[in-house]
N, C-alpha and C. Protein backbone atom coordinates (compact mmCIF):
# COMPACT_ATOMS: atom_id res chain seq x y z
N MET A 1 4.74 18.93 -93.42
CA MET A 1 5.34 17.93 -92.58
C MET A 1 6.35 18.61 -91.65
N ILE A 2 6.24 18.31 -90.37
CA ILE A 2 7.13 18.91 -89.39
C ILE A 2 8.36 18.03 -89.25
N THR A 3 9.50 18.61 -89.50
CA THR A 3 10.75 17.88 -89.35
C THR A 3 11.19 18.01 -87.90
N LEU A 4 12.18 17.22 -87.56
CA LEU A 4 12.73 17.26 -86.20
C LEU A 4 13.29 18.65 -85.91
N MET A 5 13.94 19.26 -86.87
CA MET A 5 14.52 20.60 -86.70
C MET A 5 13.41 21.63 -86.48
N ASN A 6 12.33 21.55 -87.27
CA ASN A 6 11.21 22.48 -87.10
C ASN A 6 10.55 22.28 -85.74
N ALA A 7 10.41 21.06 -85.31
CA ALA A 7 9.80 20.76 -84.02
C ALA A 7 10.62 21.38 -82.89
N ARG A 8 11.96 21.28 -82.99
CA ARG A 8 12.84 21.89 -81.97
C ARG A 8 12.69 23.40 -81.97
N CYS A 9 12.62 24.01 -83.15
CA CYS A 9 12.46 25.47 -83.24
C CYS A 9 11.14 25.90 -82.62
N ILE A 10 10.08 25.15 -82.91
CA ILE A 10 8.78 25.48 -82.35
C ILE A 10 8.81 25.34 -80.82
N ALA A 11 9.42 24.27 -80.35
CA ALA A 11 9.52 24.04 -78.91
C ALA A 11 10.33 25.15 -78.24
N LEU A 12 11.44 25.54 -78.86
CA LEU A 12 12.27 26.62 -78.30
C LEU A 12 11.51 27.95 -78.31
N SER A 13 10.79 28.21 -79.38
CA SER A 13 10.01 29.45 -79.47
C SER A 13 8.93 29.49 -78.40
N LEU A 14 8.23 28.40 -78.21
CA LEU A 14 7.20 28.34 -77.18
C LEU A 14 7.80 28.50 -75.79
N GLY A 15 8.94 27.86 -75.58
CA GLY A 15 9.62 27.96 -74.28
C GLY A 15 10.05 29.39 -74.01
N ALA A 16 10.59 30.07 -75.02
CA ALA A 16 11.00 31.46 -74.86
C ALA A 16 9.79 32.35 -74.58
N ALA A 17 8.69 32.10 -75.28
CA ALA A 17 7.48 32.89 -75.07
C ALA A 17 6.95 32.70 -73.65
N ILE A 18 6.99 31.47 -73.17
CA ILE A 18 6.52 31.19 -71.81
C ILE A 18 7.43 31.88 -70.80
N CYS A 19 8.73 31.82 -70.99
CA CYS A 19 9.68 32.47 -70.08
C CYS A 19 9.48 33.99 -70.10
N LEU A 20 9.31 34.56 -71.28
CA LEU A 20 9.10 35.99 -71.40
C LEU A 20 7.81 36.40 -70.70
N THR A 21 6.76 35.66 -70.88
CA THR A 21 5.48 35.94 -70.23
C THR A 21 5.63 35.84 -68.72
N ALA A 22 6.32 34.84 -68.24
CA ALA A 22 6.52 34.68 -66.79
C ALA A 22 7.31 35.85 -66.23
N THR A 23 8.31 36.33 -66.98
CA THR A 23 9.12 37.45 -66.53
C THR A 23 8.27 38.72 -66.44
N VAL A 24 7.45 38.98 -67.45
CA VAL A 24 6.61 40.17 -67.44
C VAL A 24 5.62 40.11 -66.27
N HIS A 25 5.00 38.95 -66.06
CA HIS A 25 4.05 38.84 -64.96
C HIS A 25 4.73 38.96 -63.61
N ALA A 26 5.95 38.50 -63.49
CA ALA A 26 6.66 38.58 -62.22
C ALA A 26 6.99 40.04 -61.89
N ALA A 27 7.17 40.88 -62.90
CA ALA A 27 7.54 42.27 -62.67
C ALA A 27 6.34 43.13 -62.26
N ALA A 28 5.15 42.73 -62.64
CA ALA A 28 3.96 43.52 -62.33
C ALA A 28 3.51 43.26 -60.90
N PRO A 29 3.38 44.33 -60.09
CA PRO A 29 2.94 44.12 -58.71
C PRO A 29 1.44 43.84 -58.62
N ALA A 30 1.03 43.39 -57.46
CA ALA A 30 -0.40 43.16 -57.19
C ALA A 30 -1.15 44.47 -57.34
N ALA A 31 -2.44 44.37 -57.59
CA ALA A 31 -3.27 45.56 -57.79
C ALA A 31 -3.19 46.52 -56.60
N ALA A 32 -3.19 46.00 -55.41
CA ALA A 32 -3.11 46.86 -54.21
C ALA A 32 -1.76 47.58 -54.14
N ASP A 33 -0.70 46.90 -54.56
CA ASP A 33 0.63 47.52 -54.56
C ASP A 33 0.68 48.63 -55.60
N ALA A 34 0.14 48.38 -56.78
CA ALA A 34 0.10 49.40 -57.83
C ALA A 34 -0.74 50.59 -57.39
N ALA A 35 -1.85 50.31 -56.72
CA ALA A 35 -2.71 51.39 -56.22
C ALA A 35 -1.96 52.23 -55.18
N PHE A 36 -1.19 51.58 -54.32
CA PHE A 36 -0.38 52.31 -53.34
C PHE A 36 0.60 53.24 -54.05
N LEU A 37 1.29 52.73 -55.06
CA LEU A 37 2.26 53.55 -55.79
C LEU A 37 1.58 54.76 -56.43
N LYS A 38 0.42 54.55 -57.01
CA LYS A 38 -0.31 55.65 -57.66
C LYS A 38 -0.78 56.68 -56.64
N GLU A 39 -1.31 56.21 -55.53
CA GLU A 39 -1.78 57.13 -54.48
C GLU A 39 -0.61 57.90 -53.87
N ALA A 40 0.50 57.21 -53.67
CA ALA A 40 1.69 57.89 -53.13
C ALA A 40 2.17 58.97 -54.10
N ALA A 41 2.07 58.72 -55.39
CA ALA A 41 2.48 59.71 -56.39
C ALA A 41 1.55 60.93 -56.33
N LEU A 42 0.24 60.69 -56.25
CA LEU A 42 -0.71 61.81 -56.16
C LEU A 42 -0.46 62.65 -54.91
N ASP A 43 -0.33 61.98 -53.79
CA ASP A 43 -0.12 62.68 -52.52
C ASP A 43 1.21 63.42 -52.51
N GLY A 44 2.24 62.79 -53.06
CA GLY A 44 3.55 63.44 -53.13
C GLY A 44 3.52 64.69 -53.98
N GLN A 45 2.81 64.62 -55.11
CA GLN A 45 2.69 65.81 -55.96
C GLN A 45 1.95 66.93 -55.22
N PHE A 46 0.93 66.57 -54.47
CA PHE A 46 0.22 67.59 -53.69
C PHE A 46 1.16 68.20 -52.66
N ASP A 47 1.92 67.38 -51.95
CA ASP A 47 2.84 67.90 -50.95
C ASP A 47 3.86 68.84 -51.57
N ILE A 48 4.39 68.47 -52.73
CA ILE A 48 5.37 69.31 -53.40
C ILE A 48 4.74 70.64 -53.83
N GLN A 49 3.61 70.57 -54.50
CA GLN A 49 3.00 71.80 -55.01
C GLN A 49 2.48 72.71 -53.91
N SER A 50 1.87 72.13 -52.88
CA SER A 50 1.38 72.97 -51.78
C SER A 50 2.55 73.58 -51.02
N SER A 51 3.62 72.83 -50.88
CA SER A 51 4.79 73.34 -50.16
C SER A 51 5.53 74.40 -50.97
N ARG A 52 5.53 74.27 -52.28
CA ARG A 52 6.12 75.33 -53.12
C ARG A 52 5.32 76.62 -52.97
N LEU A 53 3.99 76.49 -52.89
CA LEU A 53 3.16 77.67 -52.61
C LEU A 53 3.53 78.28 -51.27
N ALA A 54 3.73 77.43 -50.27
CA ALA A 54 4.07 77.91 -48.93
C ALA A 54 5.42 78.61 -48.90
N GLU A 55 6.35 78.12 -49.68
CA GLU A 55 7.65 78.80 -49.76
C GLU A 55 7.48 80.21 -50.31
N ARG A 56 6.57 80.36 -51.25
CA ARG A 56 6.35 81.64 -51.93
C ARG A 56 5.39 82.55 -51.17
N LEU A 57 4.30 81.99 -50.66
CA LEU A 57 3.23 82.81 -50.08
C LEU A 57 3.20 82.81 -48.56
N GLY A 58 3.96 81.93 -47.95
CA GLY A 58 3.93 81.82 -46.49
C GLY A 58 4.44 83.08 -45.81
N GLN A 59 3.90 83.36 -44.65
CA GLN A 59 4.27 84.53 -43.85
C GLN A 59 5.27 84.13 -42.77
N ASN A 60 5.02 83.04 -42.11
CA ASN A 60 5.81 82.59 -40.96
C ASN A 60 7.05 81.83 -41.43
N GLU A 61 8.20 82.18 -40.87
CA GLU A 61 9.46 81.54 -41.28
C GLU A 61 9.50 80.05 -40.91
N VAL A 62 8.85 79.68 -39.82
CA VAL A 62 8.80 78.26 -39.43
C VAL A 62 8.01 77.47 -40.47
N VAL A 63 6.94 78.04 -40.97
CA VAL A 63 6.14 77.39 -42.01
C VAL A 63 6.96 77.28 -43.29
N LYS A 64 7.67 78.34 -43.64
CA LYS A 64 8.49 78.32 -44.86
C LYS A 64 9.60 77.27 -44.76
N LYS A 65 10.19 77.15 -43.60
CA LYS A 65 11.26 76.15 -43.40
C LYS A 65 10.68 74.74 -43.52
N TYR A 66 9.54 74.51 -42.91
CA TYR A 66 8.86 73.22 -43.02
C TYR A 66 8.55 72.91 -44.49
N ALA A 67 8.02 73.90 -45.19
CA ALA A 67 7.66 73.72 -46.59
C ALA A 67 8.89 73.38 -47.44
N ALA A 68 10.00 74.05 -47.20
CA ALA A 68 11.22 73.78 -47.97
C ALA A 68 11.69 72.34 -47.75
N GLN A 69 11.61 71.88 -46.51
CA GLN A 69 12.00 70.51 -46.22
C GLN A 69 11.05 69.52 -46.89
N MET A 70 9.78 69.84 -46.90
CA MET A 70 8.79 68.98 -47.56
C MET A 70 9.07 68.87 -49.06
N VAL A 71 9.41 69.99 -49.70
CA VAL A 71 9.73 69.96 -51.13
C VAL A 71 10.94 69.08 -51.37
N ASP A 72 12.00 69.30 -50.61
CA ASP A 72 13.24 68.51 -50.80
C ASP A 72 12.99 67.02 -50.58
N ASP A 73 12.38 66.68 -49.46
CA ASP A 73 12.15 65.26 -49.15
C ASP A 73 11.20 64.61 -50.16
N ASN A 74 10.14 65.31 -50.52
CA ASN A 74 9.18 64.72 -51.43
C ASN A 74 9.72 64.59 -52.85
N ARG A 75 10.64 65.42 -53.23
CA ARG A 75 11.30 65.26 -54.54
C ARG A 75 12.13 63.97 -54.53
N ARG A 76 12.85 63.73 -53.44
CA ARG A 76 13.64 62.50 -53.34
C ARG A 76 12.73 61.27 -53.34
N ILE A 77 11.64 61.34 -52.60
CA ILE A 77 10.68 60.23 -52.57
C ILE A 77 10.11 60.03 -53.97
N GLU A 78 9.75 61.12 -54.63
CA GLU A 78 9.19 61.06 -55.97
C GLU A 78 10.16 60.38 -56.96
N ASN A 79 11.42 60.73 -56.88
CA ASN A 79 12.42 60.12 -57.77
C ASN A 79 12.52 58.61 -57.54
N ALA A 80 12.56 58.20 -56.29
CA ALA A 80 12.62 56.76 -55.98
C ALA A 80 11.33 56.07 -56.42
N LEU A 81 10.21 56.73 -56.22
CA LEU A 81 8.91 56.18 -56.60
C LEU A 81 8.81 56.00 -58.11
N LYS A 82 9.27 57.00 -58.86
CA LYS A 82 9.24 56.91 -60.32
C LYS A 82 10.09 55.75 -60.83
N LYS A 83 11.26 55.58 -60.24
CA LYS A 83 12.14 54.48 -60.65
C LYS A 83 11.48 53.14 -60.37
N LEU A 84 10.93 53.00 -59.17
CA LEU A 84 10.25 51.75 -58.80
C LEU A 84 9.06 51.49 -59.72
N ALA A 85 8.27 52.50 -59.98
CA ALA A 85 7.10 52.34 -60.85
C ALA A 85 7.52 51.94 -62.26
N MET A 86 8.60 52.53 -62.74
CA MET A 86 9.09 52.17 -64.07
C MET A 86 9.54 50.71 -64.09
N ASP A 87 10.27 50.30 -63.06
CA ASP A 87 10.73 48.91 -62.97
C ASP A 87 9.56 47.95 -62.90
N LYS A 88 8.48 48.36 -62.26
CA LYS A 88 7.30 47.51 -62.06
C LYS A 88 6.24 47.70 -63.14
N LYS A 89 6.54 48.58 -64.09
CA LYS A 89 5.62 48.85 -65.21
C LYS A 89 4.26 49.36 -64.72
N VAL A 90 4.32 50.28 -63.75
CA VAL A 90 3.13 50.92 -63.24
C VAL A 90 3.14 52.37 -63.74
N ASP A 91 2.07 52.77 -64.42
CA ASP A 91 1.95 54.15 -64.90
C ASP A 91 1.47 55.03 -63.76
N LEU A 92 2.29 55.99 -63.41
CA LEU A 92 1.93 56.91 -62.33
C LEU A 92 1.17 58.11 -62.89
N PRO A 93 0.25 58.65 -62.11
CA PRO A 93 -0.45 59.86 -62.55
C PRO A 93 0.51 61.05 -62.57
N VAL A 94 0.21 61.99 -63.43
CA VAL A 94 1.01 63.21 -63.51
C VAL A 94 0.20 64.32 -62.85
N GLY A 95 0.82 65.01 -61.92
CA GLY A 95 0.11 66.07 -61.22
C GLY A 95 -0.61 65.53 -60.00
N PRO A 96 -1.20 66.44 -59.23
CA PRO A 96 -1.80 66.05 -57.96
C PRO A 96 -3.20 65.46 -58.02
N GLY A 97 -3.85 65.43 -59.14
CA GLY A 97 -5.20 64.88 -59.21
C GLY A 97 -6.26 65.94 -58.92
N ASP A 98 -7.50 65.63 -59.27
CA ASP A 98 -8.59 66.61 -59.19
C ASP A 98 -8.87 67.10 -57.77
N ALA A 99 -8.95 66.19 -56.82
CA ALA A 99 -9.26 66.60 -55.44
C ALA A 99 -8.16 67.49 -54.88
N HIS A 100 -6.92 67.11 -55.11
CA HIS A 100 -5.79 67.92 -54.64
C HIS A 100 -5.71 69.24 -55.40
N HIS A 101 -6.06 69.20 -56.70
CA HIS A 101 -6.01 70.43 -57.51
C HIS A 101 -6.96 71.48 -56.93
N ALA A 102 -8.14 71.06 -56.53
CA ALA A 102 -9.11 71.99 -55.93
C ALA A 102 -8.57 72.57 -54.63
N ALA A 103 -7.93 71.73 -53.83
CA ALA A 103 -7.35 72.20 -52.57
C ALA A 103 -6.22 73.20 -52.84
N LEU A 104 -5.41 72.94 -53.86
CA LEU A 104 -4.33 73.86 -54.22
C LEU A 104 -4.88 75.21 -54.68
N LYS A 105 -5.94 75.17 -55.45
CA LYS A 105 -6.55 76.41 -55.93
C LYS A 105 -7.07 77.23 -54.76
N LYS A 106 -7.74 76.57 -53.84
CA LYS A 106 -8.27 77.25 -52.65
C LYS A 106 -7.12 77.80 -51.80
N LEU A 107 -6.08 77.02 -51.65
CA LEU A 107 -4.93 77.43 -50.86
C LEU A 107 -4.24 78.65 -51.48
N SER A 108 -4.10 78.66 -52.78
CA SER A 108 -3.39 79.75 -53.44
C SER A 108 -4.13 81.09 -53.34
N ALA A 109 -5.39 81.05 -53.00
CA ALA A 109 -6.18 82.27 -52.84
C ALA A 109 -5.96 82.93 -51.48
N GLN A 110 -5.32 82.21 -50.55
CA GLN A 110 -5.09 82.74 -49.20
C GLN A 110 -3.84 83.62 -49.18
N LYS A 111 -3.78 84.51 -48.22
CA LYS A 111 -2.63 85.43 -48.07
C LYS A 111 -2.22 85.52 -46.60
N GLY A 112 -0.94 85.76 -46.38
CA GLY A 112 -0.42 86.04 -45.04
C GLY A 112 -0.65 84.94 -44.03
N ASP A 113 -1.07 85.33 -42.83
CA ASP A 113 -1.30 84.37 -41.75
C ASP A 113 -2.39 83.36 -42.12
N ALA A 114 -3.39 83.83 -42.85
CA ALA A 114 -4.47 82.92 -43.29
C ALA A 114 -3.90 81.83 -44.20
N PHE A 115 -2.94 82.19 -45.03
CA PHE A 115 -2.31 81.18 -45.88
C PHE A 115 -1.59 80.15 -45.01
N ASP A 116 -0.79 80.61 -44.06
CA ASP A 116 -0.04 79.69 -43.20
C ASP A 116 -0.97 78.70 -42.51
N ARG A 117 -2.08 79.22 -41.96
CA ARG A 117 -3.04 78.34 -41.28
C ARG A 117 -3.67 77.35 -42.27
N ALA A 118 -4.04 77.84 -43.44
CA ALA A 118 -4.67 76.97 -44.45
C ALA A 118 -3.67 75.92 -44.95
N TYR A 119 -2.44 76.32 -45.14
CA TYR A 119 -1.41 75.36 -45.58
C TYR A 119 -1.23 74.26 -44.54
N MET A 120 -1.12 74.62 -43.29
CA MET A 120 -0.93 73.62 -42.24
C MET A 120 -2.18 72.75 -42.09
N GLU A 121 -3.34 73.30 -42.40
CA GLU A 121 -4.56 72.49 -42.38
C GLU A 121 -4.52 71.46 -43.51
N GLN A 122 -4.03 71.87 -44.67
CA GLN A 122 -3.99 70.99 -45.85
C GLN A 122 -2.80 70.03 -45.84
N ALA A 123 -1.63 70.51 -45.44
CA ALA A 123 -0.40 69.72 -45.57
C ALA A 123 0.26 69.44 -44.22
N GLY A 124 -0.45 69.70 -43.17
CA GLY A 124 0.11 69.57 -41.83
C GLY A 124 -0.08 68.21 -41.19
N PRO A 125 -0.29 68.20 -39.88
CA PRO A 125 -0.30 66.94 -39.13
C PRO A 125 -1.28 65.88 -39.64
N LYS A 126 -2.52 66.26 -39.96
CA LYS A 126 -3.50 65.26 -40.42
C LYS A 126 -3.05 64.63 -41.73
N ARG A 127 -2.62 65.46 -42.64
CA ARG A 127 -2.17 64.98 -43.96
C ARG A 127 -0.95 64.07 -43.81
N GLN A 128 -0.01 64.47 -42.97
CA GLN A 128 1.21 63.68 -42.80
C GLN A 128 0.94 62.39 -42.03
N ALA A 129 0.00 62.42 -41.11
CA ALA A 129 -0.38 61.20 -40.40
C ALA A 129 -1.01 60.20 -41.36
N ALA A 130 -1.85 60.69 -42.28
CA ALA A 130 -2.49 59.80 -43.26
C ALA A 130 -1.43 59.20 -44.20
N SER A 131 -0.49 60.01 -44.62
CA SER A 131 0.57 59.52 -45.50
C SER A 131 1.44 58.48 -44.79
N LEU A 132 1.78 58.76 -43.55
CA LEU A 132 2.57 57.81 -42.76
C LEU A 132 1.84 56.49 -42.61
N LYS A 133 0.55 56.54 -42.30
CA LYS A 133 -0.24 55.32 -42.15
C LYS A 133 -0.27 54.53 -43.46
N GLN A 134 -0.44 55.22 -44.57
CA GLN A 134 -0.46 54.57 -45.88
C GLN A 134 0.86 53.82 -46.13
N PHE A 135 1.98 54.45 -45.84
CA PHE A 135 3.28 53.82 -46.06
C PHE A 135 3.53 52.69 -45.05
N GLN A 136 3.09 52.87 -43.81
CA GLN A 136 3.24 51.80 -42.82
C GLN A 136 2.47 50.55 -43.24
N GLN A 137 1.26 50.75 -43.77
CA GLN A 137 0.47 49.61 -44.24
C GLN A 137 1.15 48.92 -45.41
N ALA A 138 1.68 49.69 -46.34
CA ALA A 138 2.39 49.09 -47.48
C ALA A 138 3.67 48.40 -47.02
N ALA A 139 4.34 48.98 -46.05
CA ALA A 139 5.57 48.37 -45.52
C ALA A 139 5.28 47.02 -44.88
N ALA A 140 4.11 46.87 -44.31
CA ALA A 140 3.74 45.62 -43.66
C ALA A 140 3.04 44.64 -44.60
N ASN A 141 2.28 45.15 -45.57
CA ASN A 141 1.37 44.28 -46.31
C ASN A 141 1.61 44.17 -47.81
N ALA A 142 2.50 44.97 -48.38
CA ALA A 142 2.70 44.90 -49.83
C ALA A 142 3.15 43.50 -50.22
N LYS A 143 2.58 43.01 -51.30
CA LYS A 143 2.92 41.67 -51.79
C LYS A 143 4.28 41.67 -52.49
N ASP A 144 4.55 42.73 -53.23
CA ASP A 144 5.81 42.84 -53.98
C ASP A 144 6.92 43.26 -53.03
N LYS A 145 8.01 42.50 -53.02
CA LYS A 145 9.08 42.78 -52.06
C LYS A 145 9.74 44.14 -52.30
N ASP A 146 9.81 44.58 -53.55
CA ASP A 146 10.41 45.88 -53.84
C ASP A 146 9.50 47.03 -53.39
N VAL A 147 8.22 46.87 -53.57
CA VAL A 147 7.26 47.88 -53.11
C VAL A 147 7.31 47.93 -51.58
N ARG A 148 7.34 46.77 -50.95
CA ARG A 148 7.42 46.69 -49.48
C ARG A 148 8.70 47.36 -48.98
N ALA A 149 9.83 47.08 -49.64
CA ALA A 149 11.12 47.67 -49.24
C ALA A 149 11.11 49.19 -49.41
N PHE A 150 10.53 49.66 -50.51
CA PHE A 150 10.41 51.11 -50.73
C PHE A 150 9.61 51.75 -49.60
N ALA A 151 8.48 51.18 -49.28
CA ALA A 151 7.64 51.73 -48.21
C ALA A 151 8.38 51.70 -46.87
N GLN A 152 9.07 50.60 -46.59
CA GLN A 152 9.82 50.49 -45.33
C GLN A 152 10.92 51.54 -45.26
N GLU A 153 11.56 51.79 -46.38
CA GLU A 153 12.64 52.79 -46.42
C GLU A 153 12.10 54.20 -46.19
N MET A 154 10.88 54.46 -46.61
CA MET A 154 10.31 55.81 -46.50
C MET A 154 9.60 56.08 -45.18
N VAL A 155 9.26 55.05 -44.43
CA VAL A 155 8.55 55.25 -43.17
C VAL A 155 9.30 56.19 -42.22
N PRO A 156 10.62 56.07 -42.03
CA PRO A 156 11.30 57.03 -41.15
C PRO A 156 11.22 58.48 -41.65
N VAL A 157 11.29 58.67 -42.94
CA VAL A 157 11.18 60.01 -43.52
C VAL A 157 9.79 60.58 -43.24
N LEU A 158 8.77 59.75 -43.44
CA LEU A 158 7.40 60.21 -43.22
C LEU A 158 7.08 60.39 -41.73
N THR A 159 7.73 59.62 -40.89
CA THR A 159 7.60 59.82 -39.44
C THR A 159 8.16 61.20 -39.08
N ASP A 160 9.29 61.54 -39.68
CA ASP A 160 9.89 62.86 -39.47
C ASP A 160 8.96 63.96 -40.00
N HIS A 161 8.35 63.74 -41.16
CA HIS A 161 7.40 64.72 -41.70
C HIS A 161 6.27 64.97 -40.71
N HIS A 162 5.73 63.89 -40.16
CA HIS A 162 4.62 64.05 -39.21
C HIS A 162 5.08 64.83 -37.97
N THR A 163 6.24 64.47 -37.45
CA THR A 163 6.77 65.17 -36.27
C THR A 163 6.96 66.65 -36.56
N ARG A 164 7.56 66.95 -37.72
CA ARG A 164 7.78 68.36 -38.09
C ARG A 164 6.45 69.09 -38.29
N ALA A 165 5.48 68.41 -38.85
CA ALA A 165 4.17 69.04 -39.07
C ALA A 165 3.53 69.40 -37.74
N VAL A 166 3.60 68.50 -36.77
CA VAL A 166 3.03 68.76 -35.44
C VAL A 166 3.75 69.94 -34.80
N GLU A 167 5.08 69.94 -34.89
CA GLU A 167 5.86 71.03 -34.29
C GLU A 167 5.58 72.37 -34.97
N THR A 168 5.48 72.35 -36.29
CA THR A 168 5.21 73.57 -37.04
C THR A 168 3.82 74.10 -36.73
N ALA A 169 2.85 73.23 -36.69
CA ALA A 169 1.48 73.65 -36.35
C ALA A 169 1.43 74.24 -34.95
N ALA A 170 2.16 73.64 -34.00
CA ALA A 170 2.18 74.14 -32.64
C ALA A 170 2.84 75.51 -32.58
N ALA A 171 3.94 75.69 -33.33
CA ALA A 171 4.63 76.97 -33.35
C ALA A 171 3.76 78.06 -33.97
N LEU A 172 2.94 77.68 -34.91
CA LEU A 172 2.05 78.63 -35.58
C LEU A 172 0.96 79.13 -34.63
N LYS A 173 0.59 78.31 -33.68
CA LYS A 173 -0.49 78.67 -32.74
C LYS A 173 0.01 79.58 -31.62
N LYS A 174 1.31 79.70 -31.46
CA LYS A 174 1.86 80.54 -30.37
C LYS A 174 1.66 82.01 -30.64
């Protein structure tokens, strides 16, 4: 027999469960937003690892300077991305992923001027333009306001990356 006290406890328990479920669902971003976060993590890891190679193996000082800036900026982006993903309960991939791993392996086999050219081919203007476009789309279209704000905040940084990549590639061709 359910007493009035038991009925209130059951009602409160159900209400708490519903509130908790609503809170968890509110924190999870849309599938496209989660996919953006995961792709940004993969690309960021590639930028960091390829740029660390460039700092070590690069011949041209302009390329090395570009690479150092890419490492610094992408570490800051990565830290903000990790925090956002944790808040949104999105599991980010660790490392650059299979496709990027193959590119890193190929890149690490290059030496001297050939390395500089290969690095700028992999992490230069085309790569930075694609990353910028990805963030611009998320800045405009992300459903989750925090994901959208993150992307909007990073667009100027990625615009600078693209500009620097174009300038570095041009300096390399001189």
